[in-house]
N, C-alpha and C. Protein backbone atom coordinates (compact mmCIF):
# COMPACT_ATOMS: atom_id res chain seq x y z
N MET A 1 -282.49 41.87 130.19
CA MET A 1 -281.06 42.19 130.35
C MET A 1 -280.31 41.64 129.12
N THR A 2 -279.26 42.36 128.40
CA THR A 2 -278.96 41.93 127.16
C THR A 2 -277.35 41.40 127.25
N SER A 3 -276.71 41.96 127.82
CA SER A 3 -275.27 41.37 128.10
C SER A 3 -274.69 40.74 129.08
N GLU A 4 -273.95 40.05 129.15
CA GLU A 4 -273.60 39.16 130.30
C GLU A 4 -273.23 40.03 131.76
N ALA A 5 -272.67 41.21 131.16
CA ALA A 5 -272.37 42.40 132.51
C ALA A 5 -273.40 43.11 132.92
N ASN A 6 -274.40 43.31 131.96
CA ASN A 6 -275.83 43.66 132.27
C ASN A 6 -276.65 42.86 133.18
N SER A 7 -276.23 41.43 132.88
CA SER A 7 -277.20 40.66 133.90
C SER A 7 -276.63 40.46 135.44
N GLN A 8 -275.49 40.74 135.37
CA GLN A 8 -275.04 40.56 136.72
C GLN A 8 -275.55 41.66 137.98
N VAL A 9 -274.90 41.53 138.85
CA VAL A 9 -275.74 42.09 140.04
C VAL A 9 -274.68 42.99 140.81
N ILE A 10 -274.69 43.92 141.29
CA ILE A 10 -273.88 44.95 142.05
C ILE A 10 -274.42 44.45 143.60
N LEU A 11 -273.40 44.61 144.48
CA LEU A 11 -273.99 44.43 145.74
C LEU A 11 -273.46 45.93 146.27
N VAL A 12 -274.23 46.56 147.12
CA VAL A 12 -273.78 47.76 147.70
C VAL A 12 -273.53 47.31 149.16
N GLY A 13 -272.30 47.64 149.45
CA GLY A 13 -271.99 47.05 150.59
C GLY A 13 -271.32 45.71 150.60
N GLY A 14 -270.20 45.58 151.57
CA GLY A 14 -269.33 44.09 151.39
C GLY A 14 -269.51 43.51 152.57
N GLY A 15 -270.41 43.82 153.30
CA GLY A 15 -270.05 42.92 154.73
C GLY A 15 -270.97 41.80 155.03
N ARG A 16 -271.28 41.24 156.10
CA ARG A 16 -271.94 40.03 156.13
C ARG A 16 -273.09 39.91 155.61
N LEU A 17 -274.20 40.88 155.52
CA LEU A 17 -275.16 40.70 154.88
C LEU A 17 -275.05 40.38 153.13
N ALA A 18 -273.93 41.00 152.79
CA ALA A 18 -273.55 40.63 151.07
C ALA A 18 -272.91 39.25 151.02
N GLY A 19 -272.51 38.89 151.94
CA GLY A 19 -272.18 37.52 152.16
C GLY A 19 -273.08 36.35 152.15
N LEU A 20 -273.89 36.79 152.91
CA LEU A 20 -275.20 36.00 153.13
C LEU A 20 -276.09 36.03 152.06
N LEU A 21 -276.08 37.08 151.02
CA LEU A 21 -276.70 37.11 149.77
C LEU A 21 -276.14 36.30 148.92
N VAL A 22 -274.53 36.46 148.67
CA VAL A 22 -273.89 35.10 147.85
C VAL A 22 -274.11 33.95 148.33
N GLU A 23 -274.26 33.93 149.54
CA GLU A 23 -274.49 32.37 149.79
C GLU A 23 -275.94 31.78 149.59
N THR A 24 -276.84 32.63 149.86
CA THR A 24 -278.19 32.08 149.64
C THR A 24 -278.50 32.24 148.17
N PHE A 25 -278.14 33.44 147.27
CA PHE A 25 -278.73 33.61 146.19
C PHE A 25 -277.84 33.41 144.88
N GLY A 26 -276.41 32.89 145.29
CA GLY A 26 -275.45 32.80 144.21
C GLY A 26 -275.64 31.83 142.90
N LYS A 27 -276.41 30.84 143.34
CA LYS A 27 -276.77 30.12 142.19
C LYS A 27 -277.82 30.48 141.38
N GLN A 28 -278.53 31.38 141.90
CA GLN A 28 -279.83 32.26 141.10
C GLN A 28 -279.21 33.33 140.37
N VAL A 29 -278.01 34.29 140.80
CA VAL A 29 -277.80 35.73 140.49
C VAL A 29 -276.28 35.45 140.36
N MET A 30 -275.86 36.16 139.36
CA MET A 30 -274.57 36.47 139.25
C MET A 30 -274.27 37.93 139.74
N PHE A 31 -273.24 37.55 140.80
CA PHE A 31 -272.99 39.05 141.38
C PHE A 31 -271.38 39.65 140.76
N ALA A 32 -271.68 40.80 140.30
CA ALA A 32 -270.36 41.12 139.66
C ALA A 32 -269.44 41.66 140.75
N GLY A 33 -269.58 41.82 141.79
CA GLY A 33 -268.59 42.38 142.82
C GLY A 33 -269.63 43.53 143.78
N TYR A 34 -268.89 43.99 144.59
CA TYR A 34 -269.17 45.21 145.66
C TYR A 34 -268.88 46.42 145.44
N VAL A 35 -269.64 47.34 146.06
CA VAL A 35 -269.24 49.06 146.23
C VAL A 35 -269.27 49.02 147.45
N ASP A 36 -268.30 49.46 148.38
CA ASP A 36 -268.15 49.90 149.69
C ASP A 36 -267.42 51.37 149.99
N ASP A 37 -268.36 52.15 150.50
CA ASP A 37 -267.72 53.35 150.87
C ASP A 37 -266.73 53.19 152.49
N VAL A 38 -266.98 52.12 153.02
CA VAL A 38 -266.20 51.81 154.28
C VAL A 38 -264.95 51.33 154.53
N HIS A 39 -265.06 50.11 153.50
CA HIS A 39 -263.73 49.25 153.87
C HIS A 39 -263.51 48.76 152.11
N GLY A 40 -262.33 49.04 152.07
CA GLY A 40 -261.77 48.77 150.80
C GLY A 40 -261.65 47.03 150.77
N ARG A 41 -261.34 46.50 151.91
CA ARG A 41 -261.04 45.18 151.42
C ARG A 41 -262.53 44.33 152.47
N ALA A 42 -263.14 44.03 152.09
CA ALA A 42 -264.79 43.77 152.74
C ALA A 42 -264.93 42.21 153.01
N TYR A 43 -265.55 42.02 153.86
CA TYR A 43 -265.95 40.44 154.05
C TYR A 43 -266.17 39.57 153.03
N VAL A 44 -266.90 40.38 151.80
CA VAL A 44 -267.54 39.20 150.71
C VAL A 44 -266.44 39.24 149.76
N GLY A 45 -265.42 40.12 149.80
CA GLY A 45 -264.35 39.99 148.96
C GLY A 45 -263.34 38.78 149.33
N GLU A 46 -263.06 38.86 150.65
CA GLU A 46 -262.27 38.04 151.44
C GLU A 46 -262.65 36.75 151.78
N VAL A 47 -263.89 36.41 151.70
CA VAL A 47 -264.37 35.17 152.06
C VAL A 47 -264.84 34.60 150.74
N TYR A 48 -265.68 35.16 150.00
CA TYR A 48 -266.07 34.92 148.62
C TYR A 48 -265.30 35.00 147.22
N GLY A 49 -264.65 36.28 147.35
CA GLY A 49 -263.64 36.32 146.30
C GLY A 49 -264.27 37.46 145.36
N LEU A 50 -265.40 38.06 145.77
CA LEU A 50 -265.81 38.98 144.85
C LEU A 50 -264.99 40.35 144.85
N PRO A 51 -265.04 40.91 143.76
CA PRO A 51 -264.13 41.91 143.60
C PRO A 51 -264.46 43.46 144.09
N ASN A 52 -263.62 44.19 144.48
CA ASN A 52 -264.35 45.40 145.11
C ASN A 52 -264.20 46.39 143.64
N LEU A 53 -265.64 46.86 143.35
CA LEU A 53 -265.68 47.71 142.42
C LEU A 53 -265.53 49.24 142.48
N GLY A 54 -265.16 49.60 143.81
CA GLY A 54 -265.15 51.05 144.00
C GLY A 54 -266.02 51.33 145.21
N THR A 55 -266.38 52.69 144.98
CA THR A 55 -267.04 53.50 146.04
C THR A 55 -268.38 53.87 145.61
N SER A 56 -269.13 54.39 146.04
CA SER A 56 -270.39 55.06 145.38
C SER A 56 -270.40 56.21 144.69
N ASP A 57 -268.83 56.74 144.82
CA ASP A 57 -268.41 57.87 143.65
C ASP A 57 -268.40 57.12 142.36
N ASP A 58 -268.47 55.57 142.58
CA ASP A 58 -268.18 55.11 141.09
C ASP A 58 -269.48 54.73 140.38
N LEU A 59 -270.30 54.81 141.10
CA LEU A 59 -271.84 54.39 140.37
C LEU A 59 -272.13 54.90 139.31
N GLU A 60 -272.32 56.14 138.71
CA GLU A 60 -272.30 56.29 137.49
C GLU A 60 -271.42 55.69 136.52
N LYS A 61 -270.29 55.42 136.65
CA LYS A 61 -269.28 55.03 135.73
C LYS A 61 -269.82 53.46 135.67
N LEU A 62 -269.96 52.79 136.69
CA LEU A 62 -270.45 51.50 136.70
C LEU A 62 -271.66 51.21 135.87
N ARG A 63 -272.51 52.30 136.28
CA ARG A 63 -273.99 52.20 135.20
C ARG A 63 -273.26 51.98 133.96
N GLN A 64 -272.58 52.29 133.47
CA GLN A 64 -272.52 51.91 131.77
C GLN A 64 -272.12 50.29 131.52
N LYS A 65 -271.77 49.83 132.42
CA LYS A 65 -271.60 48.46 132.47
C LYS A 65 -272.75 47.45 132.81
N TYR A 66 -273.16 47.80 134.36
CA TYR A 66 -273.80 47.10 134.87
C TYR A 66 -275.55 47.97 135.00
N SER A 67 -276.31 47.23 135.01
CA SER A 67 -277.83 47.84 134.95
C SER A 67 -278.67 47.60 136.51
N HIS A 68 -278.15 46.35 137.15
CA HIS A 68 -279.04 45.66 138.27
C HIS A 68 -277.85 46.06 139.75
N ALA A 69 -278.59 46.26 140.74
CA ALA A 69 -277.83 46.26 142.26
C ALA A 69 -278.91 46.09 143.29
N VAL A 70 -278.43 45.56 144.44
CA VAL A 70 -279.14 45.44 145.54
C VAL A 70 -278.37 45.91 146.82
N VAL A 71 -279.01 46.61 147.78
CA VAL A 71 -278.28 47.18 148.78
C VAL A 71 -278.21 46.02 149.61
N ALA A 72 -277.02 45.69 150.07
CA ALA A 72 -276.64 44.97 150.94
C ALA A 72 -276.14 45.47 152.20
N ILE A 73 -277.07 46.47 152.93
CA ILE A 73 -276.55 46.76 154.37
C ILE A 73 -277.67 46.85 155.20
N THR A 74 -277.39 46.63 156.50
CA THR A 74 -278.42 46.31 157.29
C THR A 74 -279.17 47.87 158.07
N HIS A 75 -278.30 48.99 158.22
CA HIS A 75 -278.62 49.79 158.74
C HIS A 75 -279.70 50.57 157.99
N VAL A 76 -280.89 50.97 158.58
CA VAL A 76 -281.97 51.74 157.87
C VAL A 76 -281.43 53.03 157.08
N ARG A 77 -280.88 53.96 157.59
CA ARG A 77 -280.55 55.40 156.83
C ARG A 77 -279.40 54.78 155.71
N ALA A 78 -278.85 53.93 155.84
CA ALA A 78 -277.83 53.85 154.99
C ALA A 78 -278.28 53.07 153.84
N ARG A 79 -279.31 52.03 153.97
CA ARG A 79 -280.27 51.58 153.03
C ARG A 79 -281.02 52.61 152.14
N ARG A 80 -281.49 53.67 152.82
CA ARG A 80 -282.21 54.65 152.31
C ARG A 80 -281.33 55.66 151.41
N LYS A 81 -279.72 55.80 151.93
CA LYS A 81 -279.12 56.55 151.28
C LYS A 81 -278.66 55.74 150.10
N TYR A 82 -278.29 54.99 150.09
CA TYR A 82 -277.63 54.01 149.03
C TYR A 82 -278.61 53.54 147.69
N ALA A 83 -280.16 53.39 148.27
CA ALA A 83 -281.22 53.00 147.40
C ALA A 83 -281.30 54.39 146.57
N GLY A 84 -281.11 55.67 147.05
CA GLY A 84 -281.24 56.97 146.47
C GLY A 84 -280.07 57.16 145.50
N LEU A 85 -279.16 56.69 145.98
CA LEU A 85 -277.90 56.95 145.06
C LEU A 85 -277.88 56.06 143.75
N LEU A 86 -278.36 54.50 144.00
CA LEU A 86 -278.47 53.86 142.99
C LEU A 86 -279.63 54.35 141.77
N SER A 87 -280.77 54.71 142.29
CA SER A 87 -281.75 55.38 141.52
C SER A 87 -281.10 56.25 140.92
N ALA A 88 -280.66 57.40 141.25
CA ALA A 88 -280.15 58.72 140.73
C ALA A 88 -279.25 58.25 139.64
N ALA A 89 -278.28 57.13 139.79
CA ALA A 89 -277.34 56.59 138.78
C ALA A 89 -277.99 55.77 137.79
N GLY A 90 -279.26 55.63 137.91
CA GLY A 90 -280.09 54.70 136.86
C GLY A 90 -280.22 53.26 137.25
N PHE A 91 -279.84 52.61 138.37
CA PHE A 91 -279.77 51.22 138.52
C PHE A 91 -280.89 50.70 138.87
N GLU A 92 -281.37 49.34 138.43
CA GLU A 92 -282.74 48.81 138.73
C GLU A 92 -282.44 47.92 140.03
N LEU A 93 -283.30 48.22 141.06
CA LEU A 93 -283.02 47.39 142.35
C LEU A 93 -283.67 46.05 142.12
N VAL A 94 -282.84 45.16 142.51
CA VAL A 94 -283.04 43.66 142.15
C VAL A 94 -284.05 43.01 143.44
N THR A 95 -285.09 42.57 143.50
CA THR A 95 -285.61 41.81 144.37
C THR A 95 -285.11 40.48 144.49
N LEU A 96 -284.81 40.02 145.88
CA LEU A 96 -284.25 38.69 146.11
C LEU A 96 -285.19 37.83 147.04
N VAL A 97 -285.85 36.62 146.53
CA VAL A 97 -286.91 36.23 147.40
C VAL A 97 -286.20 34.71 147.38
N ALA A 98 -285.89 33.99 148.70
CA ALA A 98 -285.31 33.00 149.10
C ALA A 98 -286.27 31.93 148.83
N SER A 99 -285.70 30.76 148.31
CA SER A 99 -286.64 29.62 147.87
C SER A 99 -287.53 29.09 149.07
N SER A 100 -286.92 29.13 149.98
CA SER A 100 -287.91 28.53 151.20
C SER A 100 -288.78 29.75 151.75
N ALA A 101 -288.72 31.00 151.18
CA ALA A 101 -289.72 31.88 151.71
C ALA A 101 -291.03 31.65 150.93
N GLU A 102 -292.00 32.23 152.02
CA GLU A 102 -293.38 32.13 151.27
C GLU A 102 -294.06 33.61 151.28
N VAL A 103 -294.39 33.98 150.25
CA VAL A 103 -294.76 35.05 149.65
C VAL A 103 -296.11 34.88 149.10
N ALA A 104 -297.27 35.41 149.96
CA ALA A 104 -298.70 35.15 149.54
C ALA A 104 -298.82 35.81 148.00
N GLY A 105 -299.87 35.10 147.42
CA GLY A 105 -300.31 35.74 146.00
C GLY A 105 -300.44 36.89 145.81
N TYR A 106 -301.38 37.65 146.83
CA TYR A 106 -301.92 38.81 147.14
C TYR A 106 -301.03 40.09 147.48
N ALA A 107 -299.86 39.30 148.21
CA ALA A 107 -298.75 40.25 148.89
C ALA A 107 -298.24 41.35 147.92
N GLN A 108 -297.83 42.45 148.23
CA GLN A 108 -297.01 43.19 147.49
C GLN A 108 -295.76 43.53 147.69
N ILE A 109 -294.61 43.09 146.96
CA ILE A 109 -293.11 43.18 147.69
C ILE A 109 -292.48 44.45 146.59
N GLY A 110 -291.97 45.32 147.34
CA GLY A 110 -291.32 46.61 146.64
C GLY A 110 -290.09 46.19 145.78
N ALA A 111 -289.46 47.11 144.94
CA ALA A 111 -288.41 46.81 144.54
C ALA A 111 -287.25 47.02 145.14
N GLY A 112 -286.25 45.93 145.06
CA GLY A 112 -284.82 45.89 145.82
C GLY A 112 -285.07 45.26 147.28
N CYS A 113 -286.43 44.58 147.61
CA CYS A 113 -286.31 43.79 148.68
C CYS A 113 -285.75 42.61 148.72
N ILE A 114 -285.33 42.02 149.69
CA ILE A 114 -284.88 40.76 150.34
C ILE A 114 -285.74 40.17 151.17
N ILE A 115 -286.30 38.88 150.82
CA ILE A 115 -286.79 38.13 151.32
C ILE A 115 -286.18 36.67 151.90
N ARG A 116 -285.52 36.88 153.09
CA ARG A 116 -284.41 35.89 153.45
C ARG A 116 -285.55 34.46 153.94
N GLN A 117 -284.62 33.33 154.05
CA GLN A 117 -284.81 32.17 154.62
C GLN A 117 -285.98 32.02 155.06
N HIS A 118 -286.91 31.22 154.95
CA HIS A 118 -288.10 30.57 155.81
C HIS A 118 -289.30 32.00 156.28
N ALA A 119 -288.82 33.20 155.71
CA ALA A 119 -289.76 34.26 155.91
C ALA A 119 -291.01 33.82 155.18
N VAL A 120 -292.10 34.58 155.76
CA VAL A 120 -293.57 34.39 155.56
C VAL A 120 -293.97 36.04 155.29
N VAL A 121 -294.65 36.20 154.11
CA VAL A 121 -295.08 37.56 153.92
C VAL A 121 -296.58 36.89 153.48
N GLY A 122 -297.52 37.42 154.49
CA GLY A 122 -298.85 37.08 154.17
C GLY A 122 -299.86 37.59 153.18
N PRO A 123 -301.11 37.17 152.95
CA PRO A 123 -301.88 38.09 151.78
C PRO A 123 -301.89 39.60 152.01
N ARG A 124 -302.18 40.06 151.37
CA ARG A 124 -302.48 41.47 151.21
C ARG A 124 -301.50 42.42 152.06
N ALA A 125 -300.07 41.79 152.46
CA ALA A 125 -299.24 42.62 152.93
C ALA A 125 -298.52 43.38 152.18
N VAL A 126 -298.01 44.54 152.48
CA VAL A 126 -297.24 45.37 151.68
C VAL A 126 -295.73 45.71 152.26
N VAL A 127 -294.95 45.16 151.57
CA VAL A 127 -293.39 45.39 151.78
C VAL A 127 -292.95 46.31 151.13
N GLY A 128 -292.54 47.64 151.61
CA GLY A 128 -292.00 48.55 150.89
C GLY A 128 -290.82 48.52 150.19
N ALA A 129 -290.26 49.40 149.29
CA ALA A 129 -288.95 48.96 148.44
C ALA A 129 -287.92 48.95 149.62
N ASN A 130 -286.97 48.23 148.82
CA ASN A 130 -285.46 48.04 149.55
C ASN A 130 -285.72 47.58 150.91
N THR A 131 -286.80 46.81 151.36
CA THR A 131 -286.66 46.49 152.65
C THR A 131 -286.12 44.88 152.67
N VAL A 132 -285.40 44.39 154.04
CA VAL A 132 -285.05 43.07 154.31
C VAL A 132 -286.29 42.65 155.43
N VAL A 133 -286.84 41.49 154.87
CA VAL A 133 -287.63 40.38 156.00
C VAL A 133 -286.43 39.40 156.20
N SER A 134 -286.11 39.55 157.50
CA SER A 134 -284.93 38.55 157.82
C SER A 134 -285.55 37.07 157.97
N ASP A 135 -284.78 36.14 158.09
CA ASP A 135 -284.95 34.70 158.37
C ASP A 135 -285.96 34.66 159.53
N LEU A 136 -286.76 33.69 158.83
CA LEU A 136 -287.92 33.27 160.00
C LEU A 136 -288.88 34.26 160.27
N ALA A 137 -288.58 35.62 159.38
CA ALA A 137 -289.82 36.61 160.23
C ALA A 137 -291.15 36.35 159.48
N TYR A 138 -292.11 36.95 159.91
CA TYR A 138 -293.55 36.88 159.78
C TYR A 138 -294.09 38.32 159.54
N VAL A 139 -294.45 38.30 158.16
CA VAL A 139 -295.46 39.68 157.95
C VAL A 139 -296.97 39.44 157.88
N GLY A 140 -297.37 39.60 158.56
CA GLY A 140 -299.01 39.00 158.50
C GLY A 140 -299.79 39.88 157.62
N HIS A 141 -301.05 39.30 157.32
CA HIS A 141 -302.07 39.34 156.57
C HIS A 141 -302.34 41.07 156.77
N ASP A 142 -302.45 41.68 155.36
CA ASP A 142 -302.81 43.08 155.75
C ASP A 142 -301.72 43.88 156.20
N CYS A 143 -300.67 43.62 156.57
CA CYS A 143 -299.77 44.16 157.39
C CYS A 143 -298.86 45.21 156.50
N ARG A 144 -298.31 46.34 157.00
CA ARG A 144 -297.48 47.33 155.72
C ARG A 144 -296.19 47.38 156.67
N VAL A 145 -295.20 47.19 155.87
CA VAL A 145 -293.59 47.33 156.37
C VAL A 145 -293.25 48.65 155.26
N GLY A 146 -292.73 49.66 155.90
CA GLY A 146 -292.14 50.73 155.27
C GLY A 146 -291.10 50.38 154.35
N ALA A 147 -290.72 51.28 153.64
CA ALA A 147 -289.65 51.46 152.79
C ALA A 147 -288.12 51.30 153.28
N HIS A 148 -287.26 50.69 153.15
CA HIS A 148 -285.90 50.72 153.60
C HIS A 148 -285.48 50.17 155.00
N ALA A 149 -286.80 49.20 155.29
CA ALA A 149 -286.79 48.60 156.78
C ALA A 149 -285.68 47.30 156.69
N PHE A 150 -285.21 47.36 157.93
CA PHE A 150 -284.66 45.89 158.48
C PHE A 150 -285.04 45.41 159.30
């Protein structure tokens, strides 16, 4: 990442999961703001003061300034949809792993995953792209979790 704007991450979705990401990862990641197709004034803007950068229709324009994004939506079909839109616009999906999470050395974590507080991903487990492993969740050894899951 070369410029300050390019090092910032766009949140797709401005709801409670976006707020949780700001709360959990805000000291490690600079969040530029959020894109939300449903709420012009979303939770993450009201509570955390992040700016609304527009809707998914603005992604191509935003890609000129930002290169990284994360899908902050729990609904599985919406996660898939927005991951596709981000990819089509040329964004790199950022993977976020909470400091309290345990990910085994031989586990595979796909791009755009969110591994939340105290989650465990065992040896040789595979977590597909754009998937959320929730707080205290356990993905056992040799398990496979598909892409875009929550």
